[in-house]
Amino acid sequence: MRLAWERAALDDPDFYLWMNDDTVLLPDAPEVLFRVWDEVSSFAERRAIIVGACRDPDRHTRTYGGYRRPGRHPARLVPVASTDHWIECDTFNGNIVLVPREVVRVVGMIRPFAHAIGDVDYGLRAKSAGCRVILAPGFLGECLLNTTAEEFLRLPFPRRLLNVFSRKIYPPVSWFRFYWAHAGFMAIVYWPASLIGWLWRKGRRPAGVSQR
């Protein structure tokens, strides 16, 4: 994703559109993204990221979208429900995201984390830099929820211990960098606590962005 962004940046476009390869856009998604951006930028600065929520294609329940950060812990995030109007949030999943040039000039590009975390990190960085993160109304795409976490937590403890540091579960360097960037010295507490959560919470997803 970072390599693709670097190539796209050579043309210095007005906007960048993030999309996961397992996400299917609904027909009106591009129109809604740009309409919300026009509305937000009409009375605020142009540095606003527009996020599209995804739903399960069969159940039509939310799978990915925006999040609020209710406390200091950077990985304990609360999903923001889509409504019939746009709503502010603190960060997002990167399934459908419209990023204008003005945000990139302030925040830069996505950082090279292993497999996940990069989208949530980008949203938190953007908020810290004074940009806005806006969840568009309704659902703009369909994407099944990644079941890696649930499958992992159903494994016997010895197998979880062997696999916890895999690229898709808990890449240790990436997670420590994430905690250090958004919590400073508290990373020394948050990092091992999160690891213990992965190992011991059998059958239950640990809180936070480790869902992806």
C-alpha atoms as a PDB file:
ATOM      1  CA  MET A   1       0.000   0.000   0.000  1.00  0.00           C
ATOM      2  CA  ARG A   2       2.814   2.376   0.808  1.00  0.00           C
ATOM      3  CA  LEU A   3       4.563   1.605  -2.473  1.00  0.00           C
ATOM      4  CA  ALA A   4       1.359   2.281  -4.397  1.00  0.00           C
ATOM      5  CA  TRP A   5       0.910   5.580  -2.585  1.00  0.00           C
ATOM      6  CA  GLU A   6       4.485   6.642  -3.334  1.00  0.00           C
ATOM      7  CA  ARG A   7       3.890   5.955  -7.017  1.00  0.00           C
ATOM      8  CA  ALA A   8       0.581   7.844  -7.038  1.00  0.00           C
ATOM      9  CA  ALA A   9       2.203  10.815  -5.274  1.00  0.00           C
ATOM     10  CA  LEU A  10       4.470  11.404  -8.273  1.00  0.00           C
ATOM     11  CA  ASP A  11       1.452  12.959 -10.017  1.00  0.00           C
ATOM     12  CA  ASP A  12       0.505  15.045  -6.942  1.00  0.00           C
ATOM     13  CA  PRO A  13      -3.259  14.362  -7.259  1.00  0.00           C
ATOM     14  CA  ASP A  14      -5.939  16.274  -5.361  1.00  0.00           C
ATOM     15  CA  PHE A  15      -7.075  13.111  -3.520  1.00  0.00           C
ATOM     16  CA  TYR A  16      -5.954   9.590  -2.697  1.00  0.00           C
ATOM     17  CA  LEU A  17      -8.489   6.783  -2.260  1.00  0.00           C
ATOM     18  CA  TRP A  18      -7.532   3.882   0.003  1.00  0.00           C
ATOM     19  CA  MET A  19      -9.260   0.567  -0.651  1.00  0.00           C
ATOM     20  CA  ASN A  20      -8.673  -2.924   0.676  1.00  0.00           C
ATOM     21  CA  ASP A  21      -8.540  -5.633  -1.971  1.00  0.00           C
ATOM     22  CA  ASP A  22     -11.385  -7.503  -0.235  1.00  0.00           C
ATOM     23  CA  THR A  23     -13.699  -4.473  -0.174  1.00  0.00           C
ATOM     24  CA  VAL A  24     -16.482  -3.945  -2.732  1.00  0.00           C
ATOM     25  CA  LEU A  25     -17.682  -0.364  -3.182  1.00  0.00           C
ATOM     26  CA  LEU A  26     -21.409   0.302  -3.249  1.00  0.00           C
ATOM     27  CA  PRO A  27     -22.567   2.204  -6.351  1.00  0.00           C
ATOM     28  CA  ASP A  28     -22.858   5.652  -4.755  1.00  0.00           C
ATOM     29  CA  ALA A  29     -19.681   5.452  -2.651  1.00  0.00           C
ATOM     30  CA  PRO A  30     -17.464   7.874  -4.645  1.00  0.00           C
ATOM     31  CA  GLU A  31     -20.284  10.424  -4.882  1.00  0.00           C
ATOM     32  CA  VAL A  32     -20.922  10.277  -1.124  1.00  0.00           C
ATOM     33  CA  LEU A  33     -17.221  10.581  -0.236  1.00  0.00           C
ATOM     34  CA  PHE A  34     -16.764  13.722  -2.318  1.00  0.00           C
ATOM     35  CA  ARG A  35     -20.104  15.212  -1.293  1.00  0.00           C
ATOM     36  CA  VAL A  36     -19.181  14.888   2.388  1.00  0.00           C
ATOM     37  CA  TRP A  37     -15.744  16.346   1.751  1.00  0.00           C
ATOM     38  CA  ASP A  38     -17.280  19.304  -0.085  1.00  0.00           C
ATOM     39  CA  GLU A  39     -19.690  19.872   2.793  1.00  0.00           C
ATOM     40  CA  VAL A  40     -17.021  19.653   5.476  1.00  0.00           C
ATOM     41  CA  SER A  41     -14.500  21.785   3.602  1.00  0.00           C
ATOM     42  CA  SER A  42     -17.108  24.485   2.920  1.00  0.00           C
ATOM     43  CA  PHE A  43     -16.959  25.655   6.541  1.00  0.00           C
ATOM     44  CA  ALA A  44     -13.667  24.215   7.725  1.00  0.00           C
ATOM     45  CA  GLU A  45     -10.152  23.742   6.492  1.00  0.00           C
ATOM     46  CA  ARG A  46      -9.621  21.332   3.620  1.00  0.00           C
ATOM     47  CA  ARG A  47      -7.597  18.980   5.823  1.00  0.00           C
ATOM     48  CA  ALA A  48     -10.352  16.407   6.370  1.00  0.00           C
ATOM     49  CA  ILE A  49     -10.151  12.642   5.866  1.00  0.00           C
ATOM     50  CA  ILE A  50     -13.436  11.028   4.810  1.00  0.00           C
ATOM     51  CA  VAL A  51     -14.005   7.413   5.914  1.00  0.00           C
ATOM     52  CA  GLY A  52     -16.524   5.005   4.447  1.00  0.00           C
ATOM     53  CA  ALA A  53     -17.992   2.305   6.683  1.00  0.00           C
ATOM     54  CA  CYS A  54     -18.289  -1.298   5.466  1.00  0.00           C
ATOM     55  CA  ARG A  55     -21.005  -3.840   6.160  1.00  0.00           C
ATOM     56  CA  ASP A  56     -21.241  -7.613   6.045  1.00  0.00           C
ATOM     57  CA  PRO A  57     -22.681  -8.481   2.608  1.00  0.00           C
ATOM     58  CA  ASP A  58     -25.168 -10.973   4.064  1.00  0.00           C
ATOM     59  CA  ARG A  59     -26.079  -9.643   7.493  1.00  0.00           C
ATOM     60  CA  HIS A  60     -25.695  -5.945   6.625  1.00  0.00           C
ATOM     61  CA  THR A  61     -24.042  -5.339   9.993  1.00  0.00           C
ATOM     62  CA  ARG A  62     -21.042  -3.062  10.464  1.00  0.00           C
ATOM     63  CA  THR A  63     -17.630  -4.637   9.944  1.00  0.00           C
ATOM     64  CA  TYR A  64     -15.191  -1.722   9.487  1.00  0.00           C
ATOM     65  CA  GLY A  65     -15.294   2.059   9.731  1.00  0.00           C
ATOM     66  CA  GLY A  66     -14.508   4.837  12.192  1.00  0.00           C
ATOM     67  CA  TYR A  67     -13.527   4.733  15.877  1.00  0.00           C
ATOM     68  CA  ARG A  68     -13.468   6.970  18.922  1.00  0.00           C
ATOM     69  CA  ARG A  69     -10.570   6.936  21.348  1.00  0.00           C
ATOM     70  CA  PRO A  70     -12.281   7.403  24.738  1.00  0.00           C
ATOM     71  CA  GLY A  71      -9.131   7.393  26.864  1.00  0.00           C
ATOM     72  CA  ARG A  72      -5.359   7.539  26.745  1.00  0.00           C
ATOM     73  CA  HIS A  73      -4.855   3.965  25.588  1.00  0.00           C
ATOM     74  CA  PRO A  74      -4.293   4.197  21.804  1.00  0.00           C
ATOM     75  CA  ALA A  75      -5.570   0.691  21.056  1.00  0.00           C
ATOM     76  CA  ARG A  76      -8.777   0.740  23.100  1.00  0.00           C
ATOM     77  CA  LEU A  77     -11.128   2.110  20.508  1.00  0.00           C
ATOM     78  CA  VAL A  78     -14.905   2.280  20.344  1.00  0.00           C
ATOM     79  CA  PRO A  79     -16.608   1.686  16.967  1.00  0.00           C
ATOM     80  CA  VAL A  80     -18.617   4.655  15.701  1.00  0.00           C
ATOM     81  CA  ALA A  81     -22.011   3.697  14.301  1.00  0.00           C
ATOM     82  CA  SER A  82     -22.927   5.095  10.903  1.00  0.00           C
ATOM     83  CA  THR A  83     -25.921   7.431  10.865  1.00  0.00           C
ATOM     84  CA  ASP A  84     -27.768   9.409   8.196  1.00  0.00           C
ATOM     85  CA  HIS A  85     -25.272  12.268   8.592  1.00  0.00           C
ATOM     86  CA  TRP A  86     -21.502  12.497   8.759  1.00  0.00           C
ATOM     87  CA  ILE A  87     -19.903  12.312  12.193  1.00  0.00           C
ATOM     88  CA  GLU A  88     -16.467  13.094  13.628  1.00  0.00           C
ATOM     89  CA  CYS A  89     -14.235  10.277  14.871  1.00  0.00           C
ATOM     90  CA  ASP A  90     -10.640   9.804  15.981  1.00  0.00           C
ATOM     91  CA  THR A  91      -9.310   7.133  13.642  1.00  0.00           C
ATOM     92  CA  PHE A  92     -10.420   4.443  11.216  1.00  0.00           C
ATOM     93  CA  ASN A  93      -9.970   1.168   9.384  1.00  0.00           C
ATOM     94  CA  GLY A  94      -8.418   1.687   5.974  1.00  0.00           C
ATOM     95  CA  ASN A  95     -11.005  -0.174   3.880  1.00  0.00           C
ATOM     96  CA  ILE A  96     -12.476   2.950   2.229  1.00  0.00           C
ATOM     97  CA  VAL A  97     -10.732   6.236   2.947  1.00  0.00           C
ATOM     98  CA  LEU A  98     -10.513   9.493   0.973  1.00  0.00           C
ATOM     99  CA  VAL A  99      -7.359  11.457   1.820  1.00  0.00           C
ATOM    100  CA  PRO A 100      -6.949  14.927   0.287  1.00  0.00           C
ATOM    101  CA  ARG A 101      -3.602  16.350  -0.743  1.00  0.00           C
ATOM    102  CA  GLU A 102      -3.737  18.889   2.093  1.00  0.00           C
ATOM    103  CA  VAL A 103      -3.700  16.098   4.690  1.00  0.00           C
ATOM    104  CA  VAL A 104      -0.761  14.335   3.048  1.00  0.00           C
ATOM    105  CA  ARG A 105       1.248  17.552   3.109  1.00  0.00           C
ATOM    106  CA  VAL A 106       0.793  17.719   6.883  1.00  0.00           C
ATOM    107  CA  VAL A 107       0.788  14.047   7.939  1.00  0.00           C
ATOM    108  CA  GLY A 108       2.790  12.360   5.178  1.00  0.00           C
ATOM    109  CA  MET A 109       2.132   8.815   4.041  1.00  0.00           C
ATOM    110  CA  ILE A 110       1.211   5.636   5.846  1.00  0.00           C
ATOM    111  CA  ARG A 111       4.046   4.194   7.925  1.00  0.00           C
ATOM    112  CA  PRO A 112       5.398   0.707   7.131  1.00  0.00           C
ATOM    113  CA  PHE A 113       3.844  -1.433   9.846  1.00  0.00           C
ATOM    114  CA  ALA A 114       3.531  -5.193   9.379  1.00  0.00           C
ATOM    115  CA  HIS A 115       0.125  -6.188   7.944  1.00  0.00           C
ATOM    116  CA  ALA A 116      -2.120  -3.906  10.021  1.00  0.00           C
ATOM    117  CA  ILE A 117      -2.026  -0.939  12.441  1.00  0.00           C
ATOM    118  CA  GLY A 118      -0.967   1.527   9.734  1.00  0.00           C
ATOM    119  CA  ASP A 119      -4.506   2.782   9.134  1.00  0.00           C
ATOM    120  CA  VAL A 120      -5.298   3.354  12.803  1.00  0.00           C
ATOM    121  CA  ASP A 121      -1.889   4.977  13.276  1.00  0.00           C
ATOM    122  CA  TYR A 122      -2.550   7.328  10.359  1.00  0.00           C
ATOM    123  CA  GLY A 123      -5.870   8.458  11.766  1.00  0.00           C
ATOM    124  CA  LEU A 124      -4.374   9.194  15.186  1.00  0.00           C
ATOM    125  CA  ARG A 125      -1.484  11.059  13.596  1.00  0.00           C
ATOM    126  CA  ALA A 126      -3.863  13.113  11.468  1.00  0.00           C
ATOM    127  CA  LYS A 127      -5.922  14.126  14.508  1.00  0.00           C
ATOM    128  CA  SER A 128      -2.764  15.084  16.391  1.00  0.00           C
ATOM    129  CA  ALA A 129      -1.737  17.248  13.422  1.00  0.00           C
ATOM    130  CA  GLY A 130      -5.015  19.155  13.518  1.00  0.00           C
ATOM    131  CA  CYS A 131      -6.777  17.343  10.681  1.00  0.00           C
ATOM    132  CA  ARG A 132     -10.357  16.103  10.911  1.00  0.00           C
ATOM    133  CA  VAL A 133     -11.494  12.490  10.570  1.00  0.00           C
ATOM    134  CA  ILE A 134     -15.052  12.271   9.268  1.00  0.00           C
ATOM    135  CA  LEU A 135     -17.188   9.126   8.986  1.00  0.00           C
ATOM    136  CA  ALA A 136     -19.520   9.400   5.989  1.00  0.00           C
ATOM    137  CA  PRO A 137     -23.209   8.517   6.455  1.00  0.00           C
ATOM    138  CA  GLY A 138     -24.489   5.005   5.890  1.00  0.00           C
ATOM    139  CA  PHE A 139     -22.425   2.194   4.404  1.00  0.00           C
ATOM    140  CA  LEU A 140     -20.220   2.749   1.373  1.00  0.00           C
ATOM    141  CA  GLY A 141     -18.874  -0.767   0.887  1.00  0.00           C
ATOM    142  CA  GLU A 142     -19.121  -4.433   1.759  1.00  0.00           C
ATOM    143  CA  CYS A 143     -16.369  -6.480   3.391  1.00  0.00           C
ATOM    144  CA  LEU A 144     -16.410  -9.586   5.541  1.00  0.00           C
ATOM    145  CA  LEU A 145     -14.937  -9.236   9.019  1.00  0.00           C
ATOM    146  CA  ASN A 146     -11.445 -10.657   9.295  1.00  0.00           C
ATOM    147  CA  THR A 147     -11.735 -13.792  11.449  1.00  0.00           C
ATOM    148  CA  THR A 148      -8.014 -14.203  12.139  1.00  0.00           C
ATOM    149  CA  ALA A 149      -8.337 -12.992  15.734  1.00  0.00           C
ATOM    150  CA  GLU A 150     -11.244 -15.259  16.645  1.00  0.00           C
ATOM    151  CA  GLU A 151      -9.618 -18.294  15.056  1.00  0.00           C
ATOM    152  CA  PHE A 152      -6.375 -17.588  16.873  1.00  0.00           C
ATOM    153  CA  LEU A 153      -8.069 -17.252  20.258  1.00  0.00           C
ATOM    154  CA  ARG A 154      -9.723 -20.657  19.839  1.00  0.00           C
ATOM    155  CA  LEU A 155      -6.340 -22.387  19.515  1.00  0.00           C
ATOM    156  CA  PRO A 156      -4.867 -24.277  22.487  1.00  0.00           C
ATOM    157  CA  PHE A 157      -2.476 -22.164  24.537  1.00  0.00           C
ATOM    158  CA  PRO A 158       0.753 -23.861  23.283  1.00  0.00           C
ATOM    159  CA  ARG A 159      -0.179 -23.103  19.676  1.00  0.00           C
ATOM    160  CA  ARG A 160      -1.106 -19.527  20.535  1.00  0.00           C
ATOM    161  CA  LEU A 161       2.288 -19.144  22.183  1.00  0.00           C
ATOM    162  CA  LEU A 162       4.036 -20.382  19.038  1.00  0.00           C
ATOM    163  CA  ASN A 163       2.021 -18.235  16.644  1.00  0.00           C
ATOM    164  CA  VAL A 164       1.381 -15.017  18.570  1.00  0.00           C
ATOM    165  CA  PHE A 165       4.286 -13.160  16.964  1.00  0.00           C
ATOM    166  CA  SER A 166       3.222 -13.984  13.423  1.00  0.00           C
ATOM    167  CA  ARG A 167       2.802 -11.141  10.932  1.00  0.00           C
ATOM    168  CA  LYS A 168      -0.998 -11.249  11.146  1.00  0.00           C
ATOM    169  CA  ILE A 169      -1.383 -11.643  14.905  1.00  0.00           C
ATOM    170  CA  TYR A 170       1.050  -9.600  17.004  1.00  0.00           C
ATOM    171  CA  PRO A 171       4.184  -8.445  15.124  1.00  0.00           C
ATOM    172  CA  PRO A 172       6.136  -7.233  18.168  1.00  0.00           C
ATOM    173  CA  VAL A 173       8.197  -4.445  16.621  1.00  0.00           C
ATOM    174  CA  SER A 174       5.199  -2.892  14.859  1.00  0.00           C
ATOM    175  CA  TRP A 175       3.046  -2.943  17.977  1.00  0.00           C
ATOM    176  CA  PHE A 176       5.748  -1.439  20.172  1.00  0.00           C
ATOM    177  CA  ARG A 177       6.327   1.330  17.616  1.00  0.00           C
ATOM    178  CA  PHE A 178       2.598   2.004  17.543  1.00  0.00           C
ATOM    179  CA  TYR A 179       2.333   2.261  21.330  1.00  0.00           C
ATOM    180  CA  TRP A 180       5.485   4.376  21.565  1.00  0.00           C
ATOM    181  CA  ALA A 181       4.203   6.807  18.916  1.00  0.00           C
ATOM    182  CA  HIS A 182       0.856   7.372  20.641  1.00  0.00           C
ATOM    183  CA  ALA A 183       1.510   6.671  24.320  1.00  0.00           C
ATOM    184  CA  GLY A 184       5.191   7.452  24.888  1.00  0.00           C
ATOM    185  CA  PHE A 185       6.710   5.755  27.892  1.00  0.00           C
ATOM    186  CA  MET A 186       3.384   4.050  28.658  1.00  0.00           C
ATOM    187  CA  ALA A 187       4.300   1.726  25.778  1.00  0.00           C
ATOM    188  CA  ILE A 188       6.370  -0.135  28.354  1.00  0.00           C
ATOM    189  CA  VAL A 189       3.068  -1.014  30.066  1.00  0.00           C
ATOM    190  CA  TYR A 190       0.697  -1.283  27.117  1.00  0.00           C
ATOM    191  CA  TRP A 191       2.863  -3.523  24.937  1.00  0.00           C
ATOM    192  CA  PRO A 192       3.278  -6.472  27.364  1.00  0.00           C
ATOM    193  CA  ALA A 193      -0.306  -6.092  28.623  1.00  0.00           C
ATOM    194  CA  SER A 194      -1.617  -6.423  25.077  1.00  0.00           C
ATOM    195  CA  LEU A 195       0.589  -9.452  24.462  1.00  0.00           C
ATOM    196  CA  ILE A 196      -0.720 -11.141  27.612  1.00  0.00           C
ATOM    197  CA  GLY A 197      -4.255 -10.416  26.408  1.00  0.00           C
ATOM    198  CA  TRP A 198      -3.612 -12.271  23.166  1.00  0.00           C
ATOM    199  CA  LEU A 199      -2.187 -15.270  25.003  1.00  0.00           C
ATOM    200  CA  TRP A 200      -4.685 -15.662  27.827  1.00  0.00           C
ATOM    201  CA  ARG A 201      -8.111 -14.402  26.705  1.00  0.00           C
ATOM    202  CA  LYS A 202      -9.207 -17.668  25.181  1.00  0.00           C
ATOM    203  CA  GLY A 203     -12.258 -17.413  22.959  1.00  0.00           C
ATOM    204  CA  ARG A 204     -12.555 -13.659  23.405  1.00  0.00           C
ATOM    205  CA  ARG A 205     -10.993 -10.933  21.304  1.00  0.00           C
ATOM    206  CA  PRO A 206      -8.676  -8.604  23.238  1.00  0.00           C
ATOM    207  CA  ALA A 207      -9.872  -5.029  23.342  1.00  0.00           C
ATOM    208  CA  GLY A 208      -8.556  -2.593  20.809  1.00  0.00           C
ATOM    209  CA  VAL A 209      -7.386  -2.474  17.241  1.00  0.00           C
ATOM    210  CA  SER A 210      -5.962  -5.984  17.376  1.00  0.00           C
ATOM    211  CA  GLN A 211      -9.193  -7.028  15.640  1.00  0.00           C
ATOM    212  CA  ARG A 212      -7.605  -6.532  12.198  1.00  0.00           C
END
